[in-house]
Protein backbone atom coordinates (compact mmCIF):
# COMPACT_ATOMS: atom_id res chain seq x y z
CA MET A 1 -85.94 -15.06 206.39
CA SER A 2 -85.65 -12.31 209.02
CA SER A 3 -82.44 -10.31 209.28
CA SER A 4 -81.68 -11.81 212.71
CA ARG A 5 -82.10 -15.37 211.45
CA LEU A 6 -80.02 -14.59 208.39
CA LEU A 7 -77.28 -13.23 210.64
CA MET A 8 -77.39 -16.34 212.84
CA SER A 9 -77.20 -18.62 209.79
CA THR A 10 -74.29 -16.65 208.40
CA LEU A 11 -72.45 -16.78 211.71
CA PHE A 12 -73.00 -20.53 211.97
CA VAL A 13 -71.71 -21.21 208.45
CA CYS A 14 -68.71 -18.92 208.90
CA GLY A 15 -67.98 -20.36 212.33
CA ALA A 16 -68.12 -23.92 211.01
CA ALA A 17 -65.82 -23.00 208.14
CA LEU A 18 -63.37 -21.33 210.50
CA LEU A 19 -63.35 -24.31 212.86
CA THR A 20 -62.85 -26.69 209.97
CA ALA A 21 -59.94 -24.61 208.71
CA CYS A 22 -58.40 -24.52 212.18
CA ALA A 23 -58.68 -28.29 212.44
CA SER A 24 -57.01 -28.99 209.08
CA ASP A 25 -53.54 -30.02 210.23
CA SER A 26 -51.28 -31.73 207.72
CA GLY A 27 -51.28 -35.51 207.56
CA ASP A 28 -53.60 -38.33 206.59
CA SER A 29 -55.59 -38.27 209.84
CA ALA A 30 -56.56 -34.64 209.31
CA GLU A 31 -57.63 -35.38 205.74
CA MET A 32 -59.78 -38.26 207.00
CA ALA A 33 -61.38 -35.97 209.59
CA MET A 34 -62.35 -33.52 206.85
CA ALA A 35 -64.69 -36.17 205.42
CA GLY A 36 -66.97 -35.74 208.43
CA ASN A 37 -68.60 -32.89 210.30
CA MET A 38 -67.15 -32.36 213.76
CA ILE A 39 -70.13 -30.20 214.78
CA THR A 40 -72.90 -32.70 214.01
CA GLY A 41 -70.78 -35.86 213.83
CA GLU A 42 -72.20 -36.68 210.40
CA GLY A 43 -69.83 -38.65 208.19
CA LEU A 44 -67.47 -39.54 211.05
CA PRO A 45 -66.93 -43.22 211.88
CA ASN A 46 -68.43 -44.66 215.06
CA PRO A 47 -65.91 -47.18 216.48
CA THR A 48 -68.62 -48.93 218.52
CA SER A 49 -71.25 -51.33 217.25
CA THR A 50 -73.79 -51.93 220.02
CA VAL A 51 -75.05 -50.10 223.09
CA GLU A 52 -75.65 -51.75 226.46
CA GLN A 53 -77.94 -49.42 228.40
CA ASN A 54 -78.29 -49.67 232.18
CA TRP A 55 -74.92 -51.41 232.36
CA GLY A 56 -73.67 -52.59 235.76
CA ASP A 57 -75.57 -54.36 238.53
CA LEU A 58 -76.35 -52.45 241.71
CA PRO A 59 -77.04 -54.36 244.93
CA ASP A 60 -80.63 -55.52 245.38
CA GLY A 61 -82.98 -52.69 246.27
CA ARG A 62 -80.72 -49.91 245.01
CA GLU A 63 -81.89 -47.49 242.34
CA TRP A 64 -79.51 -45.63 240.07
CA GLY A 65 -78.83 -42.00 240.75
CA SER A 66 -76.95 -39.78 238.33
CA THR A 67 -73.19 -39.57 238.04
CA ALA A 68 -70.52 -37.60 236.20
CA GLY A 69 -67.44 -39.74 236.75
CA ILE A 70 -65.99 -43.06 235.64
CA ASP A 71 -62.45 -44.45 235.37
CA ILE A 72 -60.50 -47.61 234.55
CA ASP A 73 -58.40 -49.43 237.16
CA PRO A 74 -54.88 -49.34 235.67
CA ASN A 75 -53.96 -52.62 237.35
CA ASP A 76 -56.79 -55.00 236.43
CA GLY A 77 -58.79 -53.04 233.83
CA HIS A 78 -62.08 -53.08 235.72
CA ILE A 79 -64.43 -50.11 236.02
CA TRP A 80 -64.68 -47.67 238.92
CA ALA A 81 -67.65 -45.31 239.11
CA TYR A 82 -70.08 -43.81 241.59
CA GLU A 83 -73.76 -43.00 241.67
CA ARG A 84 -75.31 -40.24 243.72
CA CYS A 85 -77.16 -42.44 246.21
CA GLY A 86 -80.36 -42.48 244.16
CA ALA A 87 -80.41 -38.75 243.37
CA SER A 88 -81.35 -37.87 239.80
CA SER A 89 -80.39 -34.22 240.36
CA PHE A 90 -77.34 -32.95 242.19
CA GLY A 91 -76.10 -30.28 244.58
CA GLY A 92 -76.81 -29.28 248.15
CA GLY A 93 -80.48 -28.59 247.42
CA ALA A 94 -81.27 -31.98 245.89
CA PRO A 95 -84.10 -33.75 247.77
CA ILE A 96 -82.04 -36.95 247.84
CA ASN A 97 -78.26 -36.96 248.14
CA CYS A 98 -75.49 -38.98 249.71
CA ASP A 99 -75.86 -37.05 252.96
CA THR A 100 -79.56 -37.77 253.42
CA ASN A 101 -79.23 -41.30 251.98
CA PRO A 102 -75.78 -42.45 253.20
CA VAL A 103 -75.43 -45.67 251.21
CA ASP A 104 -72.14 -46.61 249.52
CA PRO A 105 -71.79 -44.42 246.40
CA ILE A 106 -68.50 -45.82 245.03
CA PHE A 107 -68.46 -49.07 243.04
CA LYS A 108 -66.00 -51.27 241.23
CA PHE A 109 -67.58 -53.28 238.40
CA ASP A 110 -66.27 -56.27 236.50
CA ARG A 111 -65.79 -54.90 232.99
CA ASN A 112 -67.00 -58.13 231.38
CA THR A 113 -70.04 -58.98 233.52
CA GLY A 114 -70.97 -55.67 235.17
CA GLN A 115 -71.09 -57.34 238.58
CA VAL A 116 -70.02 -55.39 241.66
CA LEU A 117 -66.52 -56.26 242.88
CA ALA A 118 -66.28 -53.65 245.64
CA ASN A 119 -68.31 -50.80 247.12
CA PHE A 120 -67.66 -48.24 249.86
CA GLY A 121 -67.88 -44.57 250.86
CA GLY A 122 -71.21 -44.44 252.68
CA GLY A 123 -71.65 -41.51 255.07
CA ILE A 124 -68.70 -39.50 253.74
CA PHE A 125 -70.16 -37.61 250.77
CA GLN A 126 -72.74 -35.02 249.90
CA THR A 127 -72.48 -35.06 246.08
CA PRO A 128 -69.62 -37.02 244.46
CA HIS A 129 -68.51 -35.56 241.13
CA GLY A 130 -65.11 -36.60 239.72
CA ILE A 131 -63.32 -39.95 240.11
CA HIS A 132 -59.73 -41.04 239.40
CA VAL A 133 -57.86 -44.29 240.03
CA ASP A 134 -54.11 -43.87 240.48
CA SER A 135 -51.32 -46.30 239.57
CA ASP A 136 -51.49 -47.96 243.00
CA GLY A 137 -55.21 -48.58 242.65
CA ASN A 138 -56.21 -45.86 245.13
CA VAL A 139 -59.54 -44.21 244.35
CA TRP A 140 -59.88 -40.43 244.44
CA VAL A 141 -63.32 -38.79 244.44
CA THR A 142 -64.32 -35.12 244.60
CA ASP A 143 -67.28 -34.05 246.74
CA PHE A 144 -68.70 -31.15 244.80
CA ALA A 145 -71.42 -29.61 246.99
CA GLY A 146 -71.76 -28.87 250.69
CA ASN A 147 -74.57 -30.06 252.92
CA ARG A 148 -76.87 -27.71 254.81
CA GLU A 149 -75.13 -28.32 258.12
CA GLY A 150 -71.74 -27.35 256.71
CA THR A 151 -70.15 -30.67 257.68
CA LYS A 152 -69.65 -32.36 254.29
CA GLY A 153 -68.59 -31.42 250.79
CA HIS A 154 -66.07 -29.16 249.02
CA GLN A 155 -63.40 -31.81 249.45
CA VAL A 156 -61.37 -34.45 247.64
CA HIS A 157 -61.15 -37.88 249.28
CA LYS A 158 -58.53 -40.57 248.67
CA PHE A 159 -59.43 -44.20 249.41
CA SER A 160 -57.43 -47.40 249.34
CA PRO A 161 -58.66 -50.05 246.88
CA THR A 162 -60.57 -51.64 249.78
CA GLY A 163 -62.23 -48.40 250.88
CA GLU A 164 -60.04 -47.12 253.70
CA LEU A 165 -60.09 -43.32 253.80
CA LEU A 166 -56.45 -42.27 253.41
CA MET A 167 -56.56 -38.50 252.83
CA SER A 168 -58.93 -35.57 252.43
CA LEU A 169 -58.16 -32.22 250.81
CA GLY A 170 -60.13 -29.09 251.67
CA THR A 171 -62.23 -28.34 254.75
CA ALA A 172 -65.44 -30.35 255.14
CA GLY A 173 -68.50 -28.29 254.27
CA GLN A 174 -66.57 -25.01 254.11
CA PRO A 175 -66.03 -23.66 250.58
CA GLY A 176 -63.21 -21.22 250.04
CA SER A 177 -61.12 -19.72 247.28
CA GLY A 178 -57.93 -19.24 249.26
CA PRO A 179 -54.74 -21.27 248.73
CA GLY A 180 -55.48 -24.94 249.23
CA GLN A 181 -59.17 -24.38 249.93
CA LEU A 182 -61.78 -25.89 247.63
CA ASN A 183 -65.02 -24.48 246.28
CA GLN A 184 -67.03 -26.95 244.17
CA PRO A 185 -64.20 -29.30 243.13
CA ASN A 186 -65.05 -30.95 239.81
CA ASP A 187 -62.28 -33.47 239.15
CA VAL A 188 -58.98 -34.82 240.45
CA ILE A 189 -56.01 -36.59 238.86
CA THR A 190 -52.53 -37.64 239.96
CA ALA A 191 -49.27 -37.45 238.02
CA PRO A 192 -46.69 -40.28 237.90
CA ASP A 193 -44.68 -38.57 240.66
CA GLY A 194 -47.76 -38.52 242.90
CA SER A 195 -48.56 -34.82 242.49
CA ILE A 196 -52.29 -34.13 242.85
CA PHE A 197 -54.24 -31.81 240.54
CA VAL A 198 -57.78 -30.61 241.28
CA SER A 199 -60.06 -28.63 238.95
CA ASP A 200 -62.15 -26.32 241.12
CA GLY A 201 -65.23 -24.19 240.50
CA HIS A 202 -68.43 -25.38 238.85
CA ASN A 203 -70.64 -22.32 238.47
CA GLY A 204 -68.42 -20.19 236.22
CA GLN A 205 -70.07 -21.50 233.05
CA GLY A 206 -73.19 -19.53 233.93
CA MET A 207 -71.27 -16.25 233.90
CA THR A 208 -71.48 -15.23 230.26
CA THR A 209 -70.55 -11.53 230.37
CA MET A 210 -67.36 -9.82 231.52
CA ALA A 211 -69.33 -8.04 234.25
CA ALA A 212 -70.84 -11.31 235.48
CA MET A 213 -67.42 -12.96 235.56
CA ALA A 214 -65.96 -10.04 237.50
CA ASP A 215 -68.89 -10.13 239.95
CA GLY A 216 -68.46 -13.88 240.35
CA ARG A 217 -64.78 -13.56 241.18
CA GLU A 218 -65.55 -10.76 243.63
CA ALA A 219 -68.15 -12.98 245.32
CA GLY A 220 -65.61 -15.77 245.80
CA SER A 221 -66.55 -18.03 242.90
CA THR A 222 -63.61 -19.63 241.15
CA GLY A 223 -62.32 -21.41 238.10
CA ARG A 224 -58.84 -22.77 238.70
CA ILE A 225 -56.46 -25.70 238.94
CA LEU A 226 -54.80 -26.51 242.27
CA LYS A 227 -51.62 -28.57 242.63
CA TYR A 228 -50.68 -30.50 245.77
CA SER A 229 -47.72 -32.70 246.62
CA ALA A 230 -48.26 -36.44 247.01
CA ASP A 231 -48.76 -35.99 250.77
CA GLY A 232 -51.46 -33.36 250.27
CA THR A 233 -49.38 -30.23 250.82
CA PHE A 234 -50.70 -27.32 248.77
CA LEU A 235 -48.12 -26.16 246.20
CA LYS A 236 -49.70 -23.73 243.75
CA GLU A 237 -52.76 -22.80 241.74
CA TRP A 238 -53.56 -21.06 238.48
CA GLY A 239 -56.61 -19.67 236.74
CA GLN A 240 -59.72 -17.66 237.51
CA ILE A 241 -63.15 -17.27 235.95
CA GLY A 242 -62.65 -15.86 232.47
CA ARG A 243 -62.19 -16.52 228.75
CA LEU A 244 -58.46 -15.90 228.27
CA HIS A 245 -55.99 -18.78 228.01
CA GLY A 246 -55.30 -20.00 231.52
CA GLU A 247 -58.75 -18.88 232.67
CA PHE A 248 -61.81 -21.13 232.95
CA ARG A 249 -65.57 -21.17 233.04
CA THR A 250 -66.07 -24.51 234.82
CA PRO A 251 -62.94 -26.68 234.47
CA HIS A 252 -65.02 -29.85 234.51
CA ALA A 253 -62.57 -32.71 233.83
CA LEU A 254 -58.85 -33.54 233.75
CA ALA A 255 -56.62 -36.00 231.86
CA PHE A 256 -52.90 -36.56 231.22
CA ASP A 257 -51.38 -37.64 227.92
CA SER A 258 -48.23 -39.77 227.60
CA GLN A 259 -46.09 -36.62 227.53
CA GLY A 260 -47.36 -35.59 230.97
CA ARG A 261 -49.37 -32.67 229.63
CA LEU A 262 -52.48 -31.78 231.61
CA PHE A 263 -55.68 -31.51 229.54
CA VAL A 264 -58.49 -29.47 231.12
CA ALA A 265 -62.09 -29.60 229.85
CA ASP A 266 -63.02 -25.91 230.06
CA ARG A 267 -66.70 -26.59 229.56
CA GLY A 268 -68.17 -23.09 229.67
CA ASN A 269 -65.61 -21.87 227.11
CA HIS A 270 -66.23 -24.87 224.79
CA ARG A 271 -62.57 -25.88 224.65
CA ILE A 272 -59.75 -27.96 226.05
CA GLU A 273 -56.82 -26.08 227.61
CA ILE A 274 -53.44 -27.84 227.79
CA PHE A 275 -50.75 -27.08 230.39
CA ASP A 276 -47.48 -28.42 231.67
CA GLN A 277 -47.47 -29.56 235.29
CA GLU A 278 -46.29 -26.17 236.53
CA GLY A 279 -49.34 -24.46 235.07
CA ASN A 280 -47.73 -23.00 231.96
CA TYR A 281 -50.20 -22.72 229.10
CA LEU A 282 -49.26 -24.82 226.05
CA ASP A 283 -52.17 -25.13 223.63
CA SER A 284 -55.94 -25.35 223.14
CA ARG A 285 -58.44 -27.55 221.31
CA TYR A 286 -61.74 -26.25 219.94
CA SER A 287 -63.08 -29.21 217.94
CA PHE A 288 -64.44 -31.35 220.80
CA GLY A 289 -67.61 -29.49 221.81
CA ARG A 290 -68.87 -28.36 225.21
CA ILE A 291 -66.92 -30.98 227.10
CA SER A 292 -67.96 -32.60 230.38
CA GLY A 293 -65.55 -35.57 230.48
CA LEU A 294 -62.12 -36.54 229.14
CA PHE A 295 -60.22 -39.80 228.74
CA ILE A 296 -56.86 -40.31 227.02
CA THR A 297 -55.79 -43.85 226.11
CA ALA A 298 -52.25 -45.23 226.42
CA ASP A 299 -51.72 -44.59 222.71
CA ASP A 300 -52.76 -40.93 223.07
CA ILE A 301 -56.25 -41.02 221.61
CA LEU A 302 -58.49 -38.42 223.21
CA TYR A 303 -62.15 -39.14 224.00
CA ALA A 304 -64.23 -36.08 224.95
CA ILE A 305 -67.90 -36.38 225.89
CA ASP A 306 -70.25 -33.45 225.25
CA SER A 307 -73.35 -33.61 227.44
CA GLU A 308 -74.42 -29.97 227.38
CA SER A 309 -74.39 -28.48 223.89
CA SER A 310 -77.89 -27.21 223.13
CA MET A 311 -79.62 -24.51 221.13
CA THR A 312 -79.02 -22.10 224.03
CA SER A 313 -75.47 -23.19 224.88
CA HIS A 314 -73.08 -23.94 222.00
CA ALA A 315 -75.85 -24.00 219.41
CA ASN A 316 -75.92 -26.61 216.62
CA TRP A 317 -73.25 -28.83 218.17
CA MET A 318 -74.42 -32.40 218.70
CA ASN A 319 -73.98 -34.12 222.05
CA GLY A 320 -71.87 -37.28 222.00
CA VAL A 321 -68.29 -38.54 222.24
CA ARG A 322 -65.73 -36.93 219.93
CA ILE A 323 -62.51 -38.83 219.29
CA GLY A 324 -59.18 -37.55 218.00
CA PRO A 325 -55.40 -37.59 218.51
CA VAL A 326 -54.00 -35.53 221.38
CA ASP A 327 -51.61 -33.69 219.08
CA GLY A 328 -54.22 -32.41 216.64
CA ASP A 329 -57.33 -30.27 216.85
CA HIS A 330 -59.45 -32.49 214.62
CA ILE A 331 -61.94 -35.31 215.04
CA THR A 332 -61.50 -38.81 213.65
CA GLY A 333 -64.54 -40.52 215.21
CA PHE A 334 -67.89 -39.79 216.84
CA ILE A 335 -70.23 -41.79 219.09
CA PRO A 336 -73.74 -40.30 218.78
CA PRO A 337 -76.09 -39.67 221.70
CA PHE A 338 -79.38 -41.24 222.66
CA ASP A 339 -82.42 -39.92 220.82
CA ALA A 340 -84.59 -37.72 223.00
CA ASP A 341 -88.06 -36.54 222.00
CA THR A 342 -87.72 -33.31 223.95
CA ARG A 343 -84.28 -32.59 222.48
CA PRO A 344 -84.77 -33.89 218.92
CA TYR A 345 -81.64 -32.39 217.45
CA GLN A 346 -79.26 -32.77 220.34
CA GLY A 347 -80.19 -36.08 221.87
CA ALA A 348 -78.68 -36.79 225.29
CA ALA A 349 -75.21 -37.98 226.26
CA GLY A 350 -73.44 -38.69 229.54
CA GLU A 351 -70.97 -36.52 231.45
CA GLY A 352 -68.10 -38.92 232.16
CA VAL A 353 -66.24 -41.17 229.72
CA ALA A 354 -63.72 -44.01 229.97
CA VAL A 355 -62.27 -46.58 227.56
CA ASP A 356 -61.16 -50.09 228.51
CA ALA A 357 -58.29 -52.13 227.08
CA ASP A 358 -60.58 -53.70 224.46
CA GLY A 359 -61.74 -50.33 223.14
CA ASN A 360 -65.18 -50.44 224.74
CA VAL A 361 -66.39 -46.98 225.73
CA TYR A 362 -68.29 -46.26 228.95
CA ALA A 363 -70.44 -43.21 229.64
CA ALA A 364 -71.40 -41.94 233.09
CA GLU A 365 -74.91 -40.57 232.78
CA GLY A 366 -75.59 -37.18 234.36
CA PRO A 367 -78.92 -35.56 235.29
CA ASN A 368 -79.63 -34.60 231.65
CA SER A 369 -79.27 -38.13 230.26
CA LEU A 370 -80.13 -40.50 233.13
CA ARG A 371 -83.83 -40.71 232.25
CA TRP A 372 -83.11 -41.92 228.69
CA ALA A 373 -80.17 -44.14 229.56
CA GLY A 374 -82.14 -46.10 232.16
CA GLY A 375 -79.15 -46.30 234.49
CA ALA A 376 -76.06 -44.38 235.50
CA LEU A 377 -73.69 -46.29 233.21
CA THR A 378 -73.82 -47.08 229.49
CA LYS A 379 -71.40 -49.37 227.65
CA TYR A 380 -70.67 -48.81 223.95
CA VAL A 381 -69.18 -52.07 222.69
CA LYS A 382 -66.33 -51.78 220.22
CA GLY A 383 -67.17 -52.85 216.68
CA MET A 384 -65.42 -55.68 214.88
């Protein structure tokens, strides 16, 4: 074995041992987690029994595009998601997007049958990215990328349950890193008091050196959380591109636990950062992979979906859904990814995740997994 490969193997073993030690909180759940491998998922229970690929019925003639977002309606338990208007890739340079193909991207699906219950949003978006349904049933969707004309994108839109556009944050087609401006918004969530939180800045994960991060910030790229009042008034922001606590390299997803703590999937830094609602740093989690999507159930079980770990980014970590309690940095369950011939070790998993009242898990398939999933949504049915 060459010295470089020996060094890599040693680092992997030591890193795995360190992560395992960090995850070993006291209590029975931590002891159970030790029986499995949080990096590969081996030995961890899978709470689902069957997989329904290509779940959800699009209107006749529609083809699935990719997605990254999915949520549960808190009032009736049905599924809200979007698809990118037939686009398998995403961003302003995609040959097909919701600007060039202005069909309705937002859908509500019956969680039992997969049939469409509502659809809307045509002509408003360039590239939808994050989705959130608030306690009143309003649907919030981020528009991640701008169109070539500078008239769409870099916004967050709020819709009524029937599709009426109620509010937009940011300036259409005009990215900015100033107070209240948006530049590649990834996700949005609302607190019980109506406060709005947006995770902003997608390209920071590609800045892997301190110099690159400094250059990115200088060029106007961002990695931050913005807070608005319920009426859309900008209140504050925190974060920048970086590796320190309170800094981010692509804050890709948001979730609240029952204590009102804000969980941020800091994808490029392979961690979850936890804050209070004023932006004060509280804690971190390192056992959940390179996280694209988050969902926290009413009983405070955290589901984190890893769609991006690979041999070049977060090596040796398996894609899939890692499951664990919000108050511990350890894994108690794992839903493995699809097999993929071109990624034989990693497989392929979606970017967004949601869990319904029956414990069924839904994945929103991104550009990396759409081809194997067969459709933008996959349902993992809870085992008996």
